Amino acid sequence: MAARQCCSHMSKVTFISAGKDEVSVVGIAGASIMQLATANGVPGIDAECGGSMSCATCHVYIEGAWLEAVGEPGEGEKVMLAFAEKPAHNSRLSCQILYTEVLNGITVHIPESQ
């Protein structure tokens, strides 16, 4: 899958599917990673609750180099991640990660299923 709306000098977020397809989108400060995915039609981010943290259908895996910048999940997010398909140490709900310039270039991996 080709990159969308993005070029090397712009802020970006890259999503990698379980099948290794990559989609890069423009990062917009203050938007959640989930909002960036759904606004750009990134497959695999279902976001059934619309970002209200009442499901785990926006579950992503944060690439290792970005774990510190993203930070730890809050207690409510940890509870919801328990319902995610195959949670891991680098699991996060993308609705709970707000994009800032600190996250410019972040790569997140989408689980095989939500």
PDB file of N, CA and C in Angstrom:
ATOM      1  N   MET A   1       0.853  -1.175   0.000  1.00  0.00           N
ATOM      2  CA  MET A   1       0.000   0.000   0.000  1.00  0.00           C
ATOM      3  C   MET A   1       0.897   1.236   0.000  1.00  0.00           C
ATOM      4  N   ALA A   2       0.567   2.202  -0.788  1.00  0.00           N
ATOM      5  CA  ALA A   2       1.374   3.420  -0.912  1.00  0.00           C
ATOM      6  C   ALA A   2       1.119   4.371   0.250  1.00  0.00           C
ATOM      7  N   ALA A   3       2.109   5.200   0.523  1.00  0.00           N
ATOM      8  CA  ALA A   3       1.963   6.226   1.562  1.00  0.00           C
ATOM      9  C   ALA A   3       0.932   7.242   1.109  1.00  0.00           C
ATOM     10  N   ARG A   4       0.201   7.779   2.085  1.00  0.00           N
ATOM     11  CA  ARG A   4      -0.830   8.766   1.800  1.00  0.00           C
ATOM     12  C   ARG A   4      -0.449  10.108   2.410  1.00  0.00           C
ATOM     13  N   GLN A   5      -0.700  11.165   1.694  1.00  0.00           N
ATOM     14  CA  GLN A   5      -0.605  12.529   2.211  1.00  0.00           C
ATOM     15  C   GLN A   5       0.667  12.813   2.990  1.00  0.00           C
ATOM     16  N   CYS A   6       1.762  12.279   2.589  1.00  0.00           N
ATOM     17  CA  CYS A   6       2.928  12.474   3.430  1.00  0.00           C
ATOM     18  C   CYS A   6       4.188  12.606   2.595  1.00  0.00           C
ATOM     19  N   CYS A   7       5.073  13.376   3.062  1.00  0.00           N
ATOM     20  CA  CYS A   7       6.378  13.452   2.424  1.00  0.00           C
ATOM     21  C   CYS A   7       7.436  13.632   3.503  1.00  0.00           C
ATOM     22  N   SER A   8       8.697  13.567   3.123  1.00  0.00           N
ATOM     23  CA  SER A   8       9.775  13.486   4.107  1.00  0.00           C
ATOM     24  C   SER A   8       9.901  14.702   5.017  1.00  0.00           C
ATOM     25  N   HIS A   9       9.499  15.884   4.589  1.00  0.00           N
ATOM     26  CA  HIS A   9       9.681  17.057   5.435  1.00  0.00           C
ATOM     27  C   HIS A   9       8.468  17.384   6.299  1.00  0.00           C
ATOM     28  N   MET A  10       7.429  16.602   6.203  1.00  0.00           N
ATOM     29  CA  MET A  10       6.222  16.841   6.995  1.00  0.00           C
ATOM     30  C   MET A  10       6.193  15.906   8.201  1.00  0.00           C
ATOM     31  N   SER A  11       5.413  16.293   9.205  1.00  0.00           N
ATOM     32  CA  SER A  11       5.188  15.424  10.355  1.00  0.00           C
ATOM     33  C   SER A  11       4.472  14.175   9.876  1.00  0.00           C
ATOM     34  N   LYS A  12       4.866  13.019  10.422  1.00  0.00           N
ATOM     35  CA  LYS A  12       4.180  11.820   9.960  1.00  0.00           C
ATOM     36  C   LYS A  12       4.101  10.744  11.025  1.00  0.00           C
ATOM     37  N   VAL A  13       3.122   9.864  10.793  1.00  0.00           N
ATOM     38  CA  VAL A  13       2.912   8.656  11.570  1.00  0.00           C
ATOM     39  C   VAL A  13       2.846   7.528  10.551  1.00  0.00           C
ATOM     40  N   THR A  14       3.577   6.448  10.802  1.00  0.00           N
ATOM     41  CA  THR A  14       3.546   5.302   9.900  1.00  0.00           C
ATOM     42  C   THR A  14       2.879   4.129  10.602  1.00  0.00           C
ATOM     43  N   PHE A  15       1.905   3.545   9.919  1.00  0.00           N
ATOM     44  CA  PHE A  15       1.188   2.370  10.392  1.00  0.00           C
ATOM     45  C   PHE A  15       1.657   1.183   9.560  1.00  0.00           C
ATOM     46  N   ILE A  16       1.976   0.073  10.218  1.00  0.00           N
ATOM     47  CA  ILE A  16       2.393  -1.136   9.518  1.00  0.00           C
ATOM     48  C   ILE A  16       1.426  -2.249   9.896  1.00  0.00           C
ATOM     49  N   SER A  17       0.793  -2.825   8.874  1.00  0.00           N
ATOM     50  CA  SER A  17      -0.170  -3.902   9.105  1.00  0.00           C
ATOM     51  C   SER A  17       0.556  -5.202   9.421  1.00  0.00           C
ATOM     52  N   ALA A  18      -0.199  -6.186   9.884  1.00  0.00           N
ATOM     53  CA  ALA A  18       0.368  -7.509  10.156  1.00  0.00           C
ATOM     54  C   ALA A  18       0.951  -8.113   8.884  1.00  0.00           C
ATOM     55  N   GLY A  19       0.403  -7.725   7.727  1.00  0.00           N
ATOM     56  CA  GLY A  19       0.911  -8.194   6.443  1.00  0.00           C
ATOM     57  C   GLY A  19       2.077  -7.375   5.924  1.00  0.00           C
ATOM     58  N   LYS A  20       2.557  -6.440   6.726  1.00  0.00           N
ATOM     59  CA  LYS A  20       3.710  -5.577   6.432  1.00  0.00           C
ATOM     60  C   LYS A  20       3.427  -4.454   5.434  1.00  0.00           C
ATOM     61  N   ASP A  21       2.141  -4.181   5.135  1.00  0.00           N
ATOM     62  CA  ASP A  21       1.815  -3.008   4.318  1.00  0.00           C
ATOM     63  C   ASP A  21       2.013  -1.767   5.180  1.00  0.00           C
ATOM     64  N   GLU A  22       2.577  -0.713   4.597  1.00  0.00           N
ATOM     65  CA  GLU A  22       2.817   0.538   5.322  1.00  0.00           C
ATOM     66  C   GLU A  22       1.937   1.646   4.784  1.00  0.00           C
ATOM     67  N   VAL A  23       1.397   2.425   5.700  1.00  0.00           N
ATOM     68  CA  VAL A  23       0.649   3.628   5.353  1.00  0.00           C
ATOM     69  C   VAL A  23       1.201   4.742   6.225  1.00  0.00           C
ATOM     70  N   SER A  24       1.668   5.820   5.613  1.00  0.00           N
ATOM     71  CA  SER A  24       2.134   6.990   6.361  1.00  0.00           C
ATOM     72  C   SER A  24       1.135   8.107   6.174  1.00  0.00           C
ATOM     73  N   VAL A  25       0.808   8.783   7.276  1.00  0.00           N
ATOM     74  CA  VAL A  25      -0.147   9.887   7.241  1.00  0.00           C
ATOM     75  C   VAL A  25       0.480  11.098   7.914  1.00  0.00           C
ATOM     76  N   VAL A  26      -0.055  12.242   7.601  1.00  0.00           N
ATOM     77  CA  VAL A  26       0.413  13.489   8.203  1.00  0.00           C
ATOM     78  C   VAL A  26      -0.014  13.532   9.663  1.00  0.00           C
ATOM     79  N   GLY A  27       0.937  13.825  10.545  1.00  0.00           N
ATOM     80  CA  GLY A  27       0.638  13.972  11.960  1.00  0.00           C
ATOM     81  C   GLY A  27       0.108  15.374  12.237  1.00  0.00           C
ATOM     82  N   ILE A  28      -0.984  15.447  12.971  1.00  0.00           N
ATOM     83  CA  ILE A  28      -1.596  16.730  13.319  1.00  0.00           C
ATOM     84  C   ILE A  28      -1.586  16.846  14.842  1.00  0.00           C
ATOM     85  N   ALA A  29      -0.899  17.849  15.349  1.00  0.00           N
ATOM     86  CA  ALA A  29      -0.771  18.037  16.790  1.00  0.00           C
ATOM     87  C   ALA A  29      -2.139  18.085  17.450  1.00  0.00           C
ATOM     88  N   GLY A  30      -2.282  17.332  18.533  1.00  0.00           N
ATOM     89  CA  GLY A  30      -3.513  17.305  19.300  1.00  0.00           C
ATOM     90  C   GLY A  30      -4.488  16.218  18.881  1.00  0.00           C
ATOM     91  N   ALA A  31      -4.303  15.633  17.704  1.00  0.00           N
ATOM     92  CA  ALA A  31      -5.154  14.524  17.268  1.00  0.00           C
ATOM     93  C   ALA A  31      -4.597  13.235  17.848  1.00  0.00           C
ATOM     94  N   SER A  32      -5.466  12.300  18.129  1.00  0.00           N
ATOM     95  CA  SER A  32      -4.974  11.004  18.604  1.00  0.00           C
ATOM     96  C   SER A  32      -4.470  10.198  17.411  1.00  0.00           C
ATOM     97  N   ILE A  33      -3.617   9.245  17.697  1.00  0.00           N
ATOM     98  CA  ILE A  33      -3.122   8.354  16.654  1.00  0.00           C
ATOM     99  C   ILE A  33      -4.310   7.638  16.006  1.00  0.00           C
ATOM    100  N   MET A  34      -5.316   7.287  16.791  1.00  0.00           N
ATOM    101  CA  MET A  34      -6.526   6.658  16.263  1.00  0.00           C
ATOM    102  C   MET A  34      -7.249   7.586  15.292  1.00  0.00           C
ATOM    103  N   GLN A  35      -7.394   8.850  15.646  1.00  0.00           N
ATOM    104  CA  GLN A  35      -8.069   9.807  14.765  1.00  0.00           C
ATOM    105  C   GLN A  35      -7.314   9.966  13.453  1.00  0.00           C
ATOM    106  N   LEU A  36      -5.996   9.994  13.519  1.00  0.00           N
ATOM    107  CA  LEU A  36      -5.201  10.093  12.300  1.00  0.00           C
ATOM    108  C   LEU A  36      -5.414   8.872  11.418  1.00  0.00           C
ATOM    109  N   ALA A  37      -5.501   7.698  12.038  1.00  0.00           N
ATOM    110  CA  ALA A  37      -5.721   6.464  11.280  1.00  0.00           C
ATOM    111  C   ALA A  37      -7.103   6.445  10.636  1.00  0.00           C
ATOM    112  N   THR A  38      -8.133   6.731  11.413  1.00  0.00           N
ATOM    113  CA  THR A  38      -9.488   6.646  10.871  1.00  0.00           C
ATOM    114  C   THR A  38      -9.759   7.742   9.843  1.00  0.00           C
ATOM    115  N   ALA A  39      -9.210   8.920  10.046  1.00  0.00           N
ATOM    116  CA  ALA A  39      -9.408  10.011   9.084  1.00  0.00           C
ATOM    117  C   ALA A  39      -8.751   9.718   7.742  1.00  0.00           C
ATOM    118  N   ASN A  40      -7.758   8.844   7.762  1.00  0.00           N
ATOM    119  CA  ASN A  40      -7.028   8.512   6.540  1.00  0.00           C
ATOM    120  C   ASN A  40      -7.310   7.100   6.035  1.00  0.00           C
ATOM    121  N   GLY A  41      -8.328   6.459   6.597  1.00  0.00           N
ATOM    122  CA  GLY A  41      -8.743   5.149   6.122  1.00  0.00           C
ATOM    123  C   GLY A  41      -7.724   4.048   6.312  1.00  0.00           C
ATOM    124  N   VAL A  42      -6.926   4.130   7.368  1.00  0.00           N
ATOM    125  CA  VAL A  42      -5.927   3.091   7.632  1.00  0.00           C
ATOM    126  C   VAL A  42      -6.663   1.811   8.031  1.00  0.00           C
ATOM    127  N   PRO A  43      -6.494   0.730   7.268  1.00  0.00           N
ATOM    128  CA  PRO A  43      -7.183  -0.523   7.608  1.00  0.00           C
ATOM    129  C   PRO A  43      -6.643  -1.145   8.890  1.00  0.00           C
ATOM    130  N   GLY A  44      -7.552  -1.749   9.663  1.00  0.00           N
ATOM    131  CA  GLY A  44      -7.151  -2.458  10.870  1.00  0.00           C
ATOM    132  C   GLY A  44      -7.353  -1.684  12.152  1.00  0.00           C
ATOM    133  N   ILE A  45      -7.592  -0.390  12.048  1.00  0.00           N
ATOM    134  CA  ILE A  45      -7.918   0.425  13.230  1.00  0.00           C
ATOM    135  C   ILE A  45      -9.432   0.626  13.185  1.00  0.00           C
ATOM    136  N   ASP A  46     -10.167  -0.265  13.856  1.00  0.00           N
ATOM    137  CA  ASP A  46     -11.629  -0.249  13.774  1.00  0.00           C
ATOM    138  C   ASP A  46     -12.253   0.883  14.582  1.00  0.00           C
ATOM    139  N   ALA A  47     -11.711   1.170  15.752  1.00  0.00           N
ATOM    140  CA  ALA A  47     -12.155   2.292  16.590  1.00  0.00           C
ATOM    141  C   ALA A  47     -13.668   2.304  16.787  1.00  0.00           C
ATOM    142  N   GLU A  48     -14.210   1.159  17.155  1.00  0.00           N
ATOM    143  CA  GLU A  48     -15.661   1.026  17.292  1.00  0.00           C
ATOM    144  C   GLU A  48     -16.281   1.983  18.301  1.00  0.00           C
ATOM    145  N   CYS A  49     -15.560   2.348  19.356  1.00  0.00           N
ATOM    146  CA  CYS A  49     -16.131   3.244  20.371  1.00  0.00           C
ATOM    147  C   CYS A  49     -15.840   4.713  20.073  1.00  0.00           C
ATOM    148  N   GLY A  50     -15.132   4.975  18.977  1.00  0.00           N
ATOM    149  CA  GLY A  50     -14.851   6.353  18.598  1.00  0.00           C
ATOM    150  C   GLY A  50     -13.835   7.061  19.470  1.00  0.00           C
ATOM    151  N   GLY A  51     -13.113   6.320  20.254  1.00  0.00           N
ATOM    152  CA  GLY A  51     -12.071   6.929  21.083  1.00  0.00           C
ATOM    153  C   GLY A  51     -12.463   7.166  22.515  1.00  0.00           C
ATOM    154  N   SER A  52     -13.568   6.581  22.959  1.00  0.00           N
ATOM    155  CA  SER A  52     -14.005   6.793  24.339  1.00  0.00           C
ATOM    156  C   SER A  52     -13.420   5.777  25.318  1.00  0.00           C
ATOM    157  N   MET A  53     -12.463   4.982  24.838  1.00  0.00           N
ATOM    158  CA  MET A  53     -11.762   3.976  25.631  1.00  0.00           C
ATOM    159  C   MET A  53     -12.722   2.981  26.271  1.00  0.00           C
ATOM    160  N   SER A  54     -13.716   2.548  25.490  1.00  0.00           N
ATOM    161  CA  SER A  54     -14.634   1.522  25.996  1.00  0.00           C
ATOM    162  C   SER A  54     -14.565   0.248  25.157  1.00  0.00           C
ATOM    163  N   CYS A  55     -13.519   0.141  24.344  1.00  0.00           N
ATOM    164  CA  CYS A  55     -13.255  -1.086  23.599  1.00  0.00           C
ATOM    165  C   CYS A  55     -11.745  -1.145  23.367  1.00  0.00           C
ATOM    166  N   ALA A  56     -11.296  -2.124  22.658  1.00  0.00           N
ATOM    167  CA  ALA A  56      -9.861  -2.218  22.377  1.00  0.00           C
ATOM    168  C   ALA A  56      -9.628  -2.382  20.881  1.00  0.00           C
ATOM    169  N   THR A  57     -10.522  -1.807  20.069  1.00  0.00           N
ATOM    170  CA  THR A  57     -10.427  -1.997  18.619  1.00  0.00           C
ATOM    171  C   THR A  57      -9.532  -0.968  17.931  1.00  0.00           C
ATOM    172  N   CYS A  58      -8.775  -0.229  18.721  1.00  0.00           N
ATOM    173  CA  CYS A  58      -7.751   0.669  18.158  1.00  0.00           C
ATOM    174  C   CYS A  58      -6.377   0.273  18.697  1.00  0.00           C
ATOM    175  N   HIS A  59      -6.288  -0.964  19.158  1.00  0.00           N
ATOM    176  CA  HIS A  59      -5.055  -1.515  19.722  1.00  0.00           C
ATOM    177  C   HIS A  59      -3.933  -1.466  18.693  1.00  0.00           C
ATOM    178  N   VAL A  60      -2.764  -1.008  19.125  1.00  0.00           N
ATOM    179  CA  VAL A  60      -1.569  -1.009  18.282  1.00  0.00           C
ATOM    180  C   VAL A  60      -0.378  -1.433  19.135  1.00  0.00           C
ATOM    181  N   TYR A  61       0.681  -1.817  18.437  1.00  0.00           N
ATOM    182  CA  TYR A  61       1.957  -2.107  19.084  1.00  0.00           C
ATOM    183  C   TYR A  61       2.907  -0.964  18.742  1.00  0.00           C
ATOM    184  N   ILE A  62       3.510  -0.370  19.746  1.00  0.00           N
ATOM    185  CA  ILE A  62       4.432   0.736  19.553  1.00  0.00           C
ATOM    186  C   ILE A  62       5.814   0.173  19.247  1.00  0.00           C
ATOM    187  N   GLU A  63       6.418   0.655  18.181  1.00  0.00           N
ATOM    188  CA  GLU A  63       7.771   0.214  17.839  1.00  0.00           C
ATOM    189  C   GLU A  63       8.720   0.619  18.971  1.00  0.00           C
ATOM    190  N   GLY A  64       9.634  -0.275  19.314  1.00  0.00           N
ATOM    191  CA  GLY A  64      10.511  -0.145  20.474  1.00  0.00           C
ATOM    192  C   GLY A  64      11.139   1.212  20.709  1.00  0.00           C
ATOM    193  N   ALA A  65      11.672   1.825  19.678  1.00  0.00           N
ATOM    194  CA  ALA A  65      12.359   3.105  19.829  1.00  0.00           C
ATOM    195  C   ALA A  65      11.421   4.214  20.309  1.00  0.00           C
ATOM    196  N   TRP A  66      10.121   4.022  20.182  1.00  0.00           N
ATOM    197  CA  TRP A  66       9.140   5.053  20.521  1.00  0.00           C
ATOM    198  C   TRP A  66       8.462   4.839  21.868  1.00  0.00           C
ATOM    199  N   LEU A  67       8.755   3.739  22.539  1.00  0.00           N
ATOM    200  CA  LEU A  67       8.068   3.428  23.792  1.00  0.00           C
ATOM    201  C   LEU A  67       8.217   4.527  24.841  1.00  0.00           C
ATOM    202  N   GLU A  68       9.411   5.028  25.016  1.00  0.00           N
ATOM    203  CA  GLU A  68       9.635   6.062  26.037  1.00  0.00           C
ATOM    204  C   GLU A  68       8.887   7.348  25.689  1.00  0.00           C
ATOM    205  N   ALA A  69       8.926   7.754  24.428  1.00  0.00           N
ATOM    206  CA  ALA A  69       8.250   8.991  24.014  1.00  0.00           C
ATOM    207  C   ALA A  69       6.735   8.898  24.185  1.00  0.00           C
ATOM    208  N   VAL A  70       6.184   7.713  23.947  1.00  0.00           N
ATOM    209  CA  VAL A  70       4.734   7.518  24.069  1.00  0.00           C
ATOM    210  C   VAL A  70       4.324   7.445  25.529  1.00  0.00           C
ATOM    211  N   GLY A  71       5.148   6.827  26.340  1.00  0.00           N
ATOM    212  CA  GLY A  71       4.846   6.714  27.761  1.00  0.00           C
ATOM    213  C   GLY A  71       4.016   5.484  28.087  1.00  0.00           C
ATOM    214  N   GLU A  72       3.803   5.290  29.361  1.00  0.00           N
ATOM    215  CA  GLU A  72       3.059   4.139  29.862  1.00  0.00           C
ATOM    216  C   GLU A  72       1.552   4.376  29.759  1.00  0.00           C
ATOM    217  N   PRO A  73       0.788   3.306  29.575  1.00  0.00           N
ATOM    218  CA  PRO A  73      -0.674   3.467  29.578  1.00  0.00           C
ATOM    219  C   PRO A  73      -1.178   3.783  30.983  1.00  0.00           C
ATOM    220  N   GLY A  74      -2.271   4.531  31.048  1.00  0.00           N
ATOM    221  CA  GLY A  74      -2.910   4.802  32.330  1.00  0.00           C
ATOM    222  C   GLY A  74      -3.644   3.574  32.827  1.00  0.00           C
ATOM    223  N   GLU A  75      -4.165   3.631  34.041  1.00  0.00           N
ATOM    224  CA  GLU A  75      -4.839   2.479  34.641  1.00  0.00           C
ATOM    225  C   GLU A  75      -6.056   2.038  33.830  1.00  0.00           C
ATOM    226  N   GLY A  76      -6.891   2.975  33.390  1.00  0.00           N
ATOM    227  CA  GLY A  76      -8.069   2.628  32.588  1.00  0.00           C
ATOM    228  C   GLY A  76      -7.685   1.969  31.278  1.00  0.00           C
ATOM    229  N   GLU A  77      -6.635   2.464  30.664  1.00  0.00           N
ATOM    230  CA  GLU A  77      -6.163   1.880  29.410  1.00  0.00           C
ATOM    231  C   GLU A  77      -5.634   0.465  29.641  1.00  0.00           C
ATOM    232  N   LYS A  78      -4.936   0.244  30.745  1.00  0.00           N
ATOM    233  CA  LYS A  78      -4.442  -1.100  31.063  1.00  0.00           C
ATOM    234  C   LYS A  78      -5.595  -2.090  31.181  1.00  0.00           C
ATOM    235  N   VAL A  79      -6.691  -1.651  31.791  1.00  0.00           N
ATOM    236  CA  VAL A  79      -7.869  -2.515  31.925  1.00  0.00           C
ATOM    237  C   VAL A  79      -8.403  -2.876  30.545  1.00  0.00           C
ATOM    238  N   MET A  80      -8.539  -1.892  29.662  1.00  0.00           N
ATOM    239  CA  MET A  80      -9.065  -2.156  28.314  1.00  0.00           C
ATOM    240  C   MET A  80      -8.105  -3.014  27.496  1.00  0.00           C
ATOM    241  N   LEU A  81      -6.810  -2.833  27.665  1.00  0.00           N
ATOM    242  CA  LEU A  81      -5.833  -3.634  26.923  1.00  0.00           C
ATOM    243  C   LEU A  81      -5.926  -5.118  27.275  1.00  0.00           C
ATOM    244  N   ALA A  82      -6.448  -5.419  28.458  1.00  0.00           N
ATOM    245  CA  ALA A  82      -6.637  -6.817  28.843  1.00  0.00           C
ATOM    246  C   ALA A  82      -7.635  -7.510  27.913  1.00  0.00           C
ATOM    247  N   PHE A  83      -8.495  -6.727  27.244  1.00  0.00           N
ATOM    248  CA  PHE A  83      -9.489  -7.272  26.322  1.00  0.00           C
ATOM    249  C   PHE A  83      -8.994  -7.294  24.879  1.00  0.00           C
ATOM    250  N   ALA A  84      -7.816  -6.749  24.642  1.00  0.00           N
ATOM    251  CA  ALA A  84      -7.259  -6.696  23.282  1.00  0.00           C
ATOM    252  C   ALA A  84      -6.798  -8.082  22.851  1.00  0.00           C
ATOM    253  N   GLU A  85      -6.802  -8.288  21.544  1.00  0.00           N
ATOM    254  CA  GLU A  85      -6.278  -9.526  20.970  1.00  0.00           C
ATOM    255  C   GLU A  85      -4.758  -9.506  21.081  1.00  0.00           C
ATOM    256  N   LYS A  86      -4.181 -10.480  21.744  1.00  0.00           N
ATOM    257  CA  LYS A  86      -2.732 -10.646  21.891  1.00  0.00           C
ATOM    258  C   LYS A  86      -2.015  -9.390  22.410  1.00  0.00           C
ATOM    259  N   PRO A  87      -2.373  -8.904  23.611  1.00  0.00           N
ATOM    260  CA  PRO A  87      -1.654  -7.751  24.163  1.00  0.00           C
ATOM    261  C   PRO A  87      -0.197  -8.111  24.447  1.00  0.00           C
ATOM    262  N   ALA A  88       0.656  -7.115  24.374  1.00  0.00           N
ATOM    263  CA  ALA A  88       2.089  -7.305  24.600  1.00  0.00           C
ATOM    264  C   ALA A  88       2.619  -6.138  25.430  1.00  0.00           C
ATOM    265  N   HIS A  89       3.898  -6.187  25.788  1.00  0.00           N
ATOM    266  CA  HIS A  89       4.500  -5.125  26.607  1.00  0.00           C
ATOM    267  C   HIS A  89       4.447  -3.766  25.914  1.00  0.00           C
ATOM    268  N   ASN A  90       4.360  -3.750  24.587  1.00  0.00           N
ATOM    269  CA  ASN A  90       4.333  -2.497  23.836  1.00  0.00           C
ATOM    270  C   ASN A  90       2.954  -2.168  23.282  1.00  0.00           C
ATOM    271  N   SER A  91       1.918  -2.781  23.840  1.00  0.00           N
ATOM    272  CA  SER A  91       0.545  -2.509  23.417  1.00  0.00           C
ATOM    273  C   SER A  91       0.064  -1.174  23.967  1.00  0.00           C
ATOM    274  N   ARG A  92      -0.672  -0.472  23.134  1.00  0.00           N
ATOM    275  CA  ARG A  92      -1.352   0.759  23.556  1.00  0.00           C
ATOM    276  C   ARG A  92      -2.653   0.869  22.782  1.00  0.00           C
ATOM    277  N   LEU A  93      -3.585   1.633  23.323  1.00  0.00           N
ATOM    278  CA  LEU A  93      -4.788   2.004  22.580  1.00  0.00           C
ATOM    279  C   LEU A  93      -4.451   3.296  21.855  1.00  0.00           C
ATOM    280  N   SER A  94      -4.576   3.287  20.548  1.00  0.00           N
ATOM    281  CA  SER A  94      -4.167   4.466  19.777  1.00  0.00           C
ATOM    282  C   SER A  94      -5.033   5.684  20.071  1.00  0.00           C
ATOM    283  N   CYS A  95      -6.218   5.482  20.639  1.00  0.00           N
ATOM    284  CA  CYS A  95      -7.066   6.625  21.008  1.00  0.00           C
ATOM    285  C   CYS A  95      -6.493   7.389  22.194  1.00  0.00           C
ATOM    286  N   GLN A  96      -5.577   6.778  22.920  1.00  0.00           N
ATOM    287  CA  GLN A  96      -5.010   7.394  24.116  1.00  0.00           C
ATOM    288  C   GLN A  96      -3.646   8.036  23.883  1.00  0.00           C
ATOM    289  N   ILE A  97      -3.192   8.039  22.645  1.00  0.00           N
ATOM    290  CA  ILE A  97      -1.893   8.636  22.324  1.00  0.00           C
ATOM    291  C   ILE A  97      -2.141   9.881  21.484  1.00  0.00           C
ATOM    292  N   LEU A  98      -1.889  11.043  22.057  1.00  0.00           N
ATOM    293  CA  LEU A  98      -2.047  12.291  21.320  1.00  0.00           C
ATOM    294  C   LEU A  98      -0.768  12.590  20.554  1.00  0.00           C
ATOM    295  N   TYR A  99      -0.937  12.928  19.284  1.00  0.00           N
ATOM    296  CA  TYR A  99       0.215  13.239  18.453  1.00  0.00           C
ATOM    297  C   TYR A  99       0.769  14.606  18.831  1.00  0.00           C
ATOM    298  N   THR A 100       2.086  14.675  19.013  1.00  0.00           N
ATOM    299  CA  THR A 100       2.813  15.933  19.189  1.00  0.00           C
ATOM    300  C   THR A 100       4.050  15.833  18.313  1.00  0.00           C
ATOM    301  N   GLU A 101       4.762  16.904  18.140  1.00  0.00           N
ATOM    302  CA  GLU A 101       5.984  16.888  17.327  1.00  0.00           C
ATOM    303  C   GLU A 101       7.030  15.928  17.889  1.00  0.00           C
ATOM    304  N   VAL A 102       6.968  15.636  19.190  1.00  0.00           N
ATOM    305  CA  VAL A 102       7.880  14.666  19.792  1.00  0.00           C
ATOM    306  C   VAL A 102       7.696  13.298  19.134  1.00  0.00           C
ATOM    307  N   LEU A 103       6.500  13.015  18.637  1.00  0.00           N
ATOM    308  CA  LEU A 103       6.201  11.729  18.014  1.00  0.00           C
ATOM    309  C   LEU A 103       6.363  11.748  16.498  1.00  0.00           C
ATOM    310  N   ASN A 104       6.929  12.832  15.946  1.00  0.00           N
ATOM    311  CA  ASN A 104       7.126  12.902  14.498  1.00  0.00           C
ATOM    312  C   ASN A 104       7.985  11.732  14.030  1.00  0.00           C
ATOM    313  N   GLY A 105       7.435  10.939  13.121  1.00  0.00           N
ATOM    314  CA  GLY A 105       8.127   9.781  12.581  1.00  0.00           C
ATOM    315  C   GLY A 105       7.792   8.471  13.270  1.00  0.00           C
ATOM    316  N   ILE A 106       6.910   8.503  14.260  1.00  0.00           N
ATOM    317  CA  ILE A 106       6.563   7.290  15.006  1.00  0.00           C
ATOM    318  C   ILE A 106       6.027   6.206  14.071  1.00  0.00           C
ATOM    319  N   THR A 107       6.365   4.977  14.413  1.00  0.00           N
ATOM    320  CA  THR A 107       5.861   3.815  13.699  1.00  0.00           C
ATOM    321  C   THR A 107       5.078   2.960  14.675  1.00  0.00           C
ATOM    322  N   VAL A 108       3.855   2.603  14.283  1.00  0.00           N
ATOM    323  CA  VAL A 108       3.027   1.711  15.082  1.00  0.00           C
ATOM    324  C   VAL A 108       2.630   0.515  14.224  1.00  0.00           C
ATOM    325  N   HIS A 109       2.497  -0.616  14.868  1.00  0.00           N
ATOM    326  CA  HIS A 109       2.129  -1.847  14.179  1.00  0.00           C
ATOM    327  C   HIS A 109       0.694  -2.212  14.540  1.00  0.00           C
ATOM    328  N   ILE A 110      -0.060  -2.602  13.541  1.00  0.00           N
ATOM    329  CA  ILE A 110      -1.461  -2.961  13.719  1.00  0.00           C
ATOM    330  C   ILE A 110      -1.553  -4.477  13.903  1.00  0.00           C
ATOM    331  N   PRO A 111      -2.274  -4.934  14.933  1.00  0.00           N
ATOM    332  CA  PRO A 111      -2.418  -6.376  15.134  1.00  0.00           C
ATOM    333  C   PRO A 111      -3.115  -7.044  13.943  1.00  0.00           C
ATOM    334  N   GLU A 112      -2.948  -8.357  13.869  1.00  0.00           N
ATOM    335  CA  GLU A 112      -3.569  -9.124  12.799  1.00  0.00           C
ATOM    336  C   GLU A 112      -5.092  -9.005  12.831  1.00  0.00           C
ATOM    337  N   SER A 113      -5.660  -8.947  14.035  1.00  0.00           N
ATOM    338  CA  SER A 113      -7.107  -8.753  14.176  1.00  0.00           C
ATOM    339  C   SER A 113      -7.358  -7.918  15.415  1.00  0.00           C
ATOM    340  N   GLN A 114      -8.530  -7.299  15.457  1.00  0.00           N
ATOM    341  CA  GLN A 114      -8.891  -6.457  16.592  1.00  0.00           C
ATOM    342  C   GLN A 114      -9.992  -7.119  17.375  1.00  0.00           C
TER     343      GLN A 114
END
